[in-house]
Amino acid sequence: MKRVCVLLFSLHALTATAAWQAGVAQADITPTEPVPLAGYGGKTRMSQRVEHPIWLKALALKDDSGATSVLVTADLVGLSDKMVAIIAKAALEKHGIPRERLILNTSHNHSCPVTEDVLWLYYEFTPEEAAVKDRYTAMVYTKYEEVIGAAIANLAPAELAFDQGLAGVAVNRRRSRGPESRAFGGQVDQDVPVIAVKTGKGIKAIVFGYSCHTTALGGLSISGDYAGFAQLELEKSFPGSIAMFVQNCGGDANPLPRIRGKDAEATELASMYGKILAEAVRQTINTKMPPLIGPVHAAMGETELLLQPGIPFEELQQRLPNLSGMPRREFEHFIRQYETLGSLPDRVKYPIQVWRIGPDFQFIALTGETVVDYSLKFKAAYGWNTTWVCGYNNDLTSYIPSLRVLKEGGYEGVTGMFEYGHRAPYTETVEERITTKVEELMKQTK
């Protein structure tokens, strides 16, 4: 009787995995002219060359319930509220993908063009530079529509499997900023989660993630940084596949060491980091990966992150004449808010998405530059080996500190808020509010 039960269970698992339909597509978003480069404030950096192409990539999954879910990854620094709204509206109207079944992740690449109003306080463009940015942004919107549609059009029977590897590229960057930062925690998440999409012809798609800023490079070339090199390496190893990089909770991690001012050496180092990450993925795929069994239960919700009090109007006016560059643009922004709204906004909306795939696996998609504590916390709560936590979804709202990072202070907890247009750091309820909303969404997807 025991052998019959085992056989029936095996047949059920095969039937469930075979019920998947998966489609994958990619769209080249490499600029065709010199463009303003994203990610670093200060004087506008115009691109001078292309190290390798950059991409939008989409994975569409249709389970046996008939629902279709789409994950889109991008070699971009981020998206804004405006961009997310435009992309999501087109996905719903043209392809019937509801918002909770569309996850938009960016690698936080610092070697890509500026788009729309992302990190808008960073830059001060000439009219010609702004026109270049707008032309590029229009192309990116078109490519998002195309890549989502192409992935859905390519749906075909497939099997999915999930497992994790390890890579030692990420270093907690808060400890690298001088003697005063040496007391900061050195937490990192060096897990490399991997989903392999397989057909009878082999590997169709490889979705992999890591918790680390894509800032190995800082020159004037277009590329996907270490994450781009990792994707290229994997597509060489698995011909015919499309490799998709998901940025996890890398808000307080950098690939270290880095080289500045020597582009050739920096590119070589970024390529090496990419190869290390790709090797971790290869080793994972070459093991017996546990199958992912559908369906996808999707939920999306929103909480609010409260802000501490901002600088009074009179003080902003007094300090403004002594400022220039980005600090001046920040203060001008706050003064405009006082003049038009009467006060500085005291909260930030914060969307969260959860996909529970089958009974055991959950994909938790957070918004903004989440620090590593969120990945470690939610994997500990919901399963180290069955939970994938990623940040950098939806809009690039700000750094999202944990309570620990907020209390420590520093850039990711305190001083980085102005550049995102927020009046002050978050209150000490920030981690609690995110945790509560994740708990609610996890219950909704059971």
Protein backbone atom coordinates (compact mmCIF):
# COMPACT_ATOMS: atom_id res chain seq x y z
CA MET A 1 0.00 0.00 0.00
CA LYS A 2 2.90 2.34 0.83
CA ARG A 3 4.41 1.88 -2.68
CA VAL A 4 1.04 2.71 -4.26
CA CYS A 5 0.78 5.93 -2.21
CA VAL A 6 4.30 6.95 -3.20
CA LEU A 7 3.50 6.27 -6.87
CA LEU A 8 0.28 8.28 -6.69
CA PHE A 9 2.09 11.19 -5.02
CA SER A 10 4.78 11.12 -7.73
CA LEU A 11 2.19 11.12 -10.49
CA HIS A 12 0.40 14.03 -8.82
CA ALA A 13 3.65 16.04 -8.62
CA LEU A 14 4.43 15.40 -12.28
CA THR A 15 0.92 16.44 -13.28
CA ALA A 16 1.12 19.62 -11.17
CA THR A 17 4.51 20.70 -12.51
CA ALA A 18 3.44 19.96 -16.07
CA ALA A 19 0.39 22.22 -15.59
CA TRP A 20 2.58 25.31 -15.84
CA GLN A 21 2.74 27.37 -18.96
CA ALA A 22 5.67 29.77 -19.11
CA GLY A 23 6.69 32.43 -21.59
CA VAL A 24 9.85 34.50 -21.58
CA ALA A 25 10.93 37.46 -23.68
CA GLN A 26 13.50 40.23 -23.73
CA ALA A 27 13.65 43.73 -25.20
CA ASP A 28 16.84 45.66 -25.88
CA ILE A 29 16.78 49.10 -24.20
CA THR A 30 20.34 50.10 -25.07
CA PRO A 31 20.36 53.81 -25.99
CA THR A 32 21.27 54.72 -29.57
CA GLU A 33 22.72 58.14 -28.70
CA PRO A 34 24.68 59.64 -25.78
CA VAL A 35 22.33 59.88 -22.77
CA PRO A 36 22.45 61.25 -19.21
CA LEU A 37 23.54 58.45 -16.90
CA ALA A 38 21.59 57.59 -13.77
CA GLY A 39 22.37 56.79 -10.19
CA TYR A 40 24.96 59.30 -9.05
CA GLY A 41 24.23 62.92 -8.15
CA GLY A 42 26.34 65.88 -9.19
CA LYS A 43 27.33 67.04 -12.66
CA THR A 44 25.41 65.32 -15.44
CA ARG A 45 27.32 62.31 -16.81
CA MET A 46 26.73 61.72 -20.51
CA SER A 47 27.42 58.20 -21.79
CA GLN A 48 30.38 57.76 -24.13
CA ARG A 49 30.23 54.06 -25.04
CA VAL A 50 28.31 50.81 -24.61
CA GLU A 51 30.06 48.03 -22.70
CA HIS A 52 27.21 45.60 -23.39
CA PRO A 53 23.48 45.92 -24.16
CA ILE A 54 20.92 46.49 -21.40
CA TRP A 55 17.53 44.81 -21.30
CA LEU A 56 13.98 44.49 -20.12
CA LYS A 57 13.10 40.83 -19.57
CA ALA A 58 9.73 39.30 -18.74
CA LEU A 59 8.58 35.92 -17.45
CA ALA A 60 4.88 35.11 -17.82
CA LEU A 61 3.45 32.22 -15.81
CA LYS A 62 0.03 30.70 -16.41
CA ASP A 63 -1.05 28.12 -13.87
CA ASP A 64 -3.80 25.52 -13.98
CA SER A 65 -6.31 28.03 -12.60
CA GLY A 66 -5.94 29.99 -15.84
CA ALA A 67 -4.44 33.07 -14.15
CA THR A 68 -1.40 34.71 -15.74
CA SER A 69 1.27 36.46 -13.67
CA VAL A 70 4.18 38.45 -15.07
CA LEU A 71 7.56 39.35 -13.58
CA VAL A 72 9.53 42.03 -15.42
CA THR A 73 13.19 42.76 -14.63
CA ALA A 74 15.06 45.79 -15.90
CA ASP A 75 18.67 46.97 -16.16
CA LEU A 76 17.50 50.35 -14.85
CA VAL A 77 18.22 52.31 -11.67
CA GLY A 78 14.53 52.34 -10.78
CA LEU A 79 11.01 53.38 -11.69
CA SER A 80 8.85 56.24 -10.46
CA ASP A 81 5.19 56.29 -9.47
CA LYS A 82 4.38 57.83 -12.84
CA MET A 83 6.25 55.13 -14.75
CA VAL A 84 4.71 52.29 -12.75
CA ALA A 85 1.21 53.66 -13.35
CA ILE A 86 1.76 53.91 -17.12
CA ILE A 87 3.29 50.44 -17.41
CA ALA A 88 0.67 48.76 -15.20
CA LYS A 89 -2.22 50.48 -17.02
CA ALA A 90 -0.98 49.18 -20.38
CA ALA A 91 -0.48 45.66 -18.97
CA LEU A 92 -4.06 45.60 -17.70
CA GLU A 93 -5.72 47.15 -20.74
CA LYS A 94 -3.76 45.30 -23.43
CA HIS A 95 -3.04 41.97 -21.75
CA GLY A 96 -5.51 41.67 -18.86
CA ILE A 97 -2.80 41.46 -16.17
CA PRO A 98 -4.18 42.80 -12.87
CA ARG A 99 -1.86 44.89 -10.75
CA GLU A 100 -1.24 42.23 -8.11
CA ARG A 101 -0.03 39.83 -10.81
CA LEU A 102 2.52 42.25 -12.27
CA ILE A 103 5.84 42.62 -10.44
CA LEU A 104 8.21 45.30 -11.77
CA ASN A 105 11.75 44.85 -10.46
CA THR A 106 14.82 46.93 -11.35
CA SER A 107 18.43 45.96 -10.78
CA HIS A 108 19.22 49.50 -9.51
CA ASN A 109 21.84 49.71 -12.23
CA HIS A 110 24.01 52.85 -12.04
CA SER A 111 25.29 52.45 -15.62
CA CYS A 112 21.99 53.09 -17.38
CA PRO A 113 20.18 56.15 -18.74
CA VAL A 114 18.03 58.46 -16.64
CA THR A 115 14.30 57.90 -17.23
CA GLU A 116 11.29 60.14 -16.66
CA ASP A 117 11.28 61.57 -13.11
CA VAL A 118 13.29 58.87 -11.32
CA LEU A 119 15.62 60.45 -8.73
CA TRP A 120 14.56 63.77 -10.18
CA LEU A 121 16.29 65.88 -7.51
CA TYR A 122 19.66 64.38 -8.50
CA TYR A 123 19.90 66.06 -11.88
CA GLU A 124 19.94 69.50 -13.44
CA PHE A 125 19.61 69.05 -17.20
CA THR A 126 20.12 71.43 -20.07
CA PRO A 127 17.14 71.54 -22.46
CA GLU A 128 19.07 69.30 -24.87
CA GLU A 129 19.84 66.74 -22.16
CA ALA A 130 16.22 66.75 -21.02
CA ALA A 131 15.08 66.09 -24.59
CA VAL A 132 17.43 63.09 -24.83
CA LYS A 133 16.05 61.75 -21.55
CA ASP A 134 12.48 62.13 -22.79
CA ARG A 135 13.21 60.35 -26.08
CA TYR A 136 14.79 57.47 -24.22
CA THR A 137 11.90 57.27 -21.72
CA ALA A 138 9.35 57.06 -24.54
CA MET A 139 11.26 54.13 -26.01
CA VAL A 140 11.35 52.37 -22.62
CA TYR A 141 7.56 52.62 -22.23
CA THR A 142 7.13 51.03 -25.67
CA LYS A 143 9.56 48.25 -24.79
CA TYR A 144 7.73 47.45 -21.55
CA GLU A 145 4.53 46.94 -23.54
CA GLU A 146 6.34 44.81 -26.11
CA VAL A 147 8.19 42.56 -23.68
CA ILE A 148 5.11 41.83 -21.55
CA GLY A 149 3.08 41.02 -24.65
CA ALA A 150 5.83 38.84 -26.11
CA ALA A 151 6.23 36.81 -22.90
CA ILE A 152 2.49 36.14 -22.79
CA ALA A 153 2.45 35.23 -26.48
CA ASN A 154 5.25 32.71 -25.86
CA LEU A 155 3.39 30.76 -23.16
CA ALA A 156 4.03 27.03 -23.52
CA PRO A 157 4.14 23.99 -21.21
CA ALA A 158 7.06 24.10 -18.79
CA GLU A 159 8.30 22.94 -15.41
CA LEU A 160 9.58 25.22 -12.66
CA ALA A 161 12.12 24.47 -9.95
CA PHE A 162 13.59 26.54 -7.11
CA ASP A 163 16.71 26.37 -4.98
CA GLN A 164 19.41 28.66 -3.62
CA GLY A 165 23.15 29.03 -3.95
CA LEU A 166 25.66 31.31 -2.25
CA ALA A 167 28.00 34.05 -3.47
CA GLY A 168 30.40 36.24 -1.49
CA VAL A 169 30.31 39.44 -3.55
CA ALA A 170 28.17 41.61 -1.23
CA VAL A 171 29.71 43.56 1.65
CA ASN A 172 27.74 45.70 4.09
CA ARG A 173 28.77 49.11 2.81
CA ARG A 174 27.84 50.98 5.99
CA ARG A 175 31.00 49.62 7.60
CA SER A 176 33.16 50.97 4.77
CA ARG A 177 32.53 54.68 5.27
CA GLY A 178 35.27 55.68 7.66
CA PRO A 179 36.06 55.08 11.34
CA GLU A 180 32.75 56.53 12.56
CA SER A 181 30.84 53.78 10.73
CA ARG A 182 32.82 50.82 12.02
CA ALA A 183 30.31 50.21 14.79
CA PHE A 184 27.49 49.64 12.26
CA GLY A 185 26.27 46.09 11.81
CA GLY A 186 27.89 44.06 9.07
CA GLN A 187 24.82 42.05 8.06
CA VAL A 188 24.63 40.70 4.51
CA ASP A 189 22.48 38.20 2.65
CA GLN A 190 24.63 36.15 0.33
CA ASP A 191 21.92 33.71 -0.74
CA VAL A 192 21.40 33.42 -4.50
CA PRO A 193 17.78 32.34 -5.08
CA VAL A 194 17.19 30.66 -8.45
CA ILE A 195 14.09 29.67 -10.39
CA ALA A 196 14.77 27.48 -13.42
CA VAL A 197 12.11 27.27 -16.12
CA LYS A 198 12.54 24.04 -18.06
CA THR A 199 10.98 22.54 -21.17
CA GLY A 200 11.69 19.36 -23.09
CA LYS A 201 14.33 21.32 -24.99
CA GLY A 202 16.23 22.40 -21.87
CA ILE A 203 16.43 25.58 -19.79
CA LYS A 204 14.06 28.26 -21.07
CA ALA A 205 14.60 30.92 -18.42
CA ILE A 206 16.78 31.47 -15.36
CA VAL A 207 15.53 33.91 -12.74
CA PHE A 208 18.13 34.65 -10.08
CA GLY A 209 18.61 37.27 -7.39
CA TYR A 210 21.15 38.84 -5.08
CA SER A 211 21.17 41.50 -2.35
CA CYS A 212 23.79 43.99 -3.49
CA HIS A 213 23.93 47.42 -5.15
CA THR A 214 24.89 47.33 -8.83
CA THR A 215 27.65 49.88 -8.31
CA ALA A 216 30.83 48.08 -9.27
CA LEU A 217 31.07 50.61 -12.13
CA GLY A 218 30.89 54.38 -12.07
CA GLY A 219 32.31 55.53 -15.38
CA LEU A 220 30.68 56.72 -18.58
CA SER A 221 29.71 53.43 -20.20
CA ILE A 222 26.32 51.76 -20.64
CA SER A 223 26.10 48.28 -19.11
CA GLY A 224 24.18 46.18 -16.62
CA ASP A 225 27.09 46.31 -14.13
CA TYR A 226 27.96 43.01 -12.39
CA ALA A 227 24.35 41.81 -12.77
CA GLY A 228 24.54 42.36 -16.53
CA PHE A 229 27.78 40.41 -16.77
CA ALA A 230 26.21 37.58 -14.73
CA GLN A 231 23.26 37.39 -17.12
CA LEU A 232 25.57 37.27 -20.15
CA GLU A 233 27.62 34.52 -18.56
CA LEU A 234 24.56 32.38 -17.80
CA GLU A 235 23.14 32.77 -21.30
CA LYS A 236 26.45 31.49 -22.66
CA SER A 237 26.33 28.50 -20.32
CA PHE A 238 22.72 27.67 -21.17
CA PRO A 239 22.27 28.45 -24.89
CA GLY A 240 18.75 29.47 -25.84
CA SER A 241 17.85 30.60 -22.32
CA ILE A 242 17.07 34.09 -21.04
CA ALA A 243 18.65 35.01 -17.69
CA MET A 244 16.77 37.53 -15.51
CA PHE A 245 18.34 39.30 -12.53
CA VAL A 246 16.16 40.30 -9.56
CA GLN A 247 17.60 42.86 -7.14
CA ASN A 248 16.88 41.66 -3.62
CA CYS A 249 17.42 43.66 -0.42
CA GLY A 250 20.71 45.32 -1.34
CA GLY A 251 20.09 48.80 0.04
CA ASP A 252 23.04 48.64 2.41
CA ALA A 253 25.38 46.37 0.43
CA ASN A 254 27.99 47.07 -2.23
CA PRO A 255 30.22 44.83 -4.34
CA LEU A 256 33.56 45.45 -2.67
CA PRO A 257 36.33 46.19 -3.29
CA ARG A 258 35.67 48.70 -6.08
CA ILE A 259 37.95 50.64 -8.40
CA ARG A 260 37.29 54.28 -9.27
CA GLY A 261 38.94 56.32 -12.01
CA LYS A 262 40.27 53.34 -13.96
CA ASP A 263 37.48 52.20 -16.25
CA ALA A 264 39.22 49.17 -17.75
CA GLU A 265 40.20 47.76 -14.36
CA ALA A 266 36.76 48.50 -12.91
CA THR A 267 35.05 46.73 -15.81
CA GLU A 268 37.29 43.70 -15.34
CA LEU A 269 36.37 43.60 -11.65
CA ALA A 270 32.64 43.96 -12.39
CA SER A 271 32.92 41.13 -14.91
CA MET A 272 34.60 38.95 -12.29
CA TYR A 273 31.81 39.65 -9.78
CA GLY A 274 29.31 38.70 -12.47
CA LYS A 275 31.12 35.44 -13.13
CA ILE A 276 31.14 34.60 -9.43
CA LEU A 277 27.40 35.17 -9.21
CA ALA A 278 26.79 33.20 -12.41
CA GLU A 279 28.81 30.29 -11.07
CA ALA A 280 26.65 30.20 -7.94
CA VAL A 281 23.58 30.00 -10.21
CA ARG A 282 25.17 27.30 -12.40
CA GLN A 283 26.00 25.15 -9.40
CA THR A 284 22.42 25.51 -8.16
CA ILE A 285 20.91 24.54 -11.51
CA ASN A 286 23.21 21.52 -11.78
CA THR A 287 21.78 20.08 -8.56
CA LYS A 288 18.42 18.36 -8.24
CA MET A 289 16.26 21.45 -7.74
CA PRO A 290 12.93 20.89 -5.96
CA PRO A 291 9.94 21.49 -8.28
CA LEU A 292 7.65 24.48 -7.86
CA ILE A 293 4.03 23.43 -7.93
CA GLY A 294 1.30 26.01 -8.70
CA PRO A 295 -0.96 27.83 -8.63
CA VAL A 296 0.21 31.41 -8.01
CA HIS A 297 -1.86 33.09 -5.30
CA ALA A 298 -1.22 36.85 -5.67
CA ALA A 299 -1.96 39.66 -3.26
CA MET A 300 -1.04 43.33 -3.15
CA GLY A 301 -1.56 45.86 -0.41
CA GLU A 302 -0.32 49.21 0.78
CA THR A 303 0.78 50.62 4.10
CA GLU A 304 1.98 54.09 5.04
CA LEU A 305 5.43 54.89 6.40
CA LEU A 306 5.34 57.88 8.75
CA LEU A 307 7.96 60.63 8.62
CA GLN A 308 9.54 62.53 11.50
CA PRO A 309 8.95 66.31 11.62
CA GLY A 310 10.61 68.33 8.86
CA ILE A 311 12.50 71.61 8.85
CA PRO A 312 10.27 74.63 9.53
CA PHE A 313 9.44 76.91 6.61
CA GLU A 314 11.35 79.90 7.99
CA GLU A 315 14.50 77.86 8.52
CA LEU A 316 14.36 76.52 4.97
CA GLN A 317 14.15 80.08 3.64
CA GLN A 318 17.05 81.22 5.82
CA ARG A 319 19.34 78.38 4.76
CA LEU A 320 18.48 78.33 1.06
CA PRO A 321 20.81 81.19 -0.10
CA ASN A 322 23.86 79.29 1.18
CA LEU A 323 23.07 76.12 -0.79
CA SER A 324 23.76 74.99 -4.34
CA GLY A 325 23.32 71.88 -6.47
CA MET A 326 21.19 69.04 -5.15
CA PRO A 327 20.86 70.42 -1.57
CA ARG A 328 19.44 73.64 -3.01
CA ARG A 329 16.96 71.70 -5.19
CA GLU A 330 15.87 69.72 -2.13
CA PHE A 331 15.18 72.85 -0.08
CA GLU A 332 13.38 74.52 -3.00
CA HIS A 333 11.20 71.41 -3.25
CA PHE A 334 10.28 71.61 0.46
CA ILE A 335 9.54 75.34 0.20
CA ARG A 336 7.20 74.66 -2.75
CA GLN A 337 5.41 72.02 -0.70
CA TYR A 338 4.84 74.51 2.12
CA GLU A 339 3.58 77.09 -0.35
CA THR A 340 1.25 74.77 -2.27
CA LEU A 341 0.17 72.24 0.39
CA GLY A 342 0.49 74.32 3.54
CA SER A 343 2.80 71.75 5.15
CA LEU A 344 5.28 69.01 4.32
CA PRO A 345 3.70 65.56 3.73
CA ASP A 346 4.06 63.43 6.85
CA ARG A 347 3.87 59.95 5.28
CA VAL A 348 4.88 57.89 2.26
CA LYS A 349 2.70 55.23 0.64
CA TYR A 350 4.37 51.83 0.53
CA PRO A 351 3.01 49.03 -1.70
CA ILE A 352 3.92 45.37 -1.09
CA GLN A 353 3.22 42.30 -3.20
CA VAL A 354 3.21 38.61 -2.31
CA TRP A 355 3.08 35.67 -4.69
CA ARG A 356 2.59 32.35 -2.94
CA ILE A 357 3.38 29.57 -5.39
CA GLY A 358 1.83 26.31 -4.33
CA PRO A 359 1.78 25.35 -0.66
CA ASP A 360 5.40 26.04 0.26
CA PHE A 361 7.05 28.86 -1.72
CA GLN A 362 6.57 32.60 -1.30
CA PHE A 363 7.94 35.55 -3.28
CA ILE A 364 7.75 38.76 -1.23
CA ALA A 365 8.21 41.93 -3.31
CA LEU A 366 8.96 45.06 -1.30
CA THR A 367 9.22 48.63 -2.55
CA GLY A 368 12.26 50.92 -2.56
CA GLU A 369 15.83 50.45 -1.42
CA THR A 370 15.22 47.91 1.33
CA VAL A 371 18.11 47.05 3.62
CA VAL A 372 19.18 43.48 4.21
CA ASP A 373 17.38 43.08 7.55
CA TYR A 374 14.06 42.65 5.73
CA SER A 375 15.30 39.70 3.72
CA LEU A 376 16.78 38.01 6.77
CA LYS A 377 13.69 38.71 8.86
CA PHE A 378 11.08 37.39 6.44
CA LYS A 379 13.10 34.32 5.48
CA ALA A 380 13.45 33.49 9.18
CA ALA A 381 9.69 33.97 9.64
CA TYR A 382 8.43 32.09 6.58
CA GLY A 383 11.17 29.64 5.66
CA TRP A 384 14.84 30.10 4.85
CA ASN A 385 14.73 27.63 1.99
CA THR A 386 11.30 28.51 0.58
CA THR A 387 11.13 32.32 0.74
CA TRP A 388 12.48 34.87 -1.74
CA VAL A 389 12.47 38.49 -0.56
CA CYS A 390 13.27 41.27 -3.00
CA GLY A 391 13.31 45.05 -2.84
CA TYR A 392 13.50 47.56 -5.71
CA ASN A 393 9.98 46.84 -6.93
CA ASN A 394 7.38 49.44 -7.86
CA ASP A 395 8.70 52.98 -7.48
CA LEU A 396 12.12 53.88 -6.12
CA THR A 397 10.54 55.65 -3.18
CA SER A 398 13.56 55.95 -0.83
CA TYR A 399 15.91 53.90 1.26
CA ILE A 400 13.84 51.66 3.53
CA PRO A 401 15.72 51.20 6.80
CA SER A 402 14.99 48.61 9.42
CA LEU A 403 14.60 49.81 12.99
CA ARG A 404 18.23 48.85 13.60
CA VAL A 405 19.52 50.89 10.68
CA LEU A 406 17.26 53.83 11.57
CA LYS A 407 18.64 53.92 15.12
CA GLU A 408 22.24 53.59 13.90
CA GLY A 409 21.71 56.60 11.63
CA GLY A 410 23.91 57.22 8.63
CA TYR A 411 22.99 57.51 4.97
CA GLU A 412 20.53 54.63 4.53
CA GLY A 413 18.70 55.44 7.76
CA VAL A 414 18.71 59.21 7.99
CA THR A 415 20.68 61.44 5.63
CA GLY A 416 19.55 59.82 2.38
CA MET A 417 15.91 60.91 2.74
CA PHE A 418 16.18 64.48 1.42
CA GLU A 419 17.38 63.38 -2.02
CA TYR A 420 14.14 61.42 -2.43
CA GLY A 421 12.09 64.49 -1.63
CA HIS A 422 11.01 63.37 1.86
CA ARG A 423 11.07 65.86 4.69
CA ALA A 424 12.85 63.71 7.29
CA PRO A 425 13.70 60.12 8.28
CA TYR A 426 10.94 57.62 8.98
CA THR A 427 9.62 57.16 12.49
CA GLU A 428 10.52 54.09 14.52
CA THR A 429 7.32 52.38 13.33
CA VAL A 430 8.79 51.78 9.84
CA GLU A 431 9.76 48.12 10.27
CA GLU A 432 6.63 47.28 12.27
CA ARG A 433 4.33 48.71 9.60
CA ILE A 434 6.01 46.78 6.79
CA THR A 435 6.05 43.57 8.83
CA THR A 436 2.35 43.87 9.67
CA LYS A 437 1.38 44.38 6.03
CA VAL A 438 3.49 41.42 4.89
CA GLU A 439 1.78 39.26 7.52
CA GLU A 440 -1.64 40.35 6.21
CA LEU A 441 -0.74 39.57 2.60
CA MET A 442 0.72 36.19 3.54
CA LYS A 443 -2.57 35.28 5.19
CA GLN A 444 -4.51 36.46 2.11
CA THR A 445 -2.55 34.11 -0.14
CA LYS A 446 -3.07 30.97 1.94
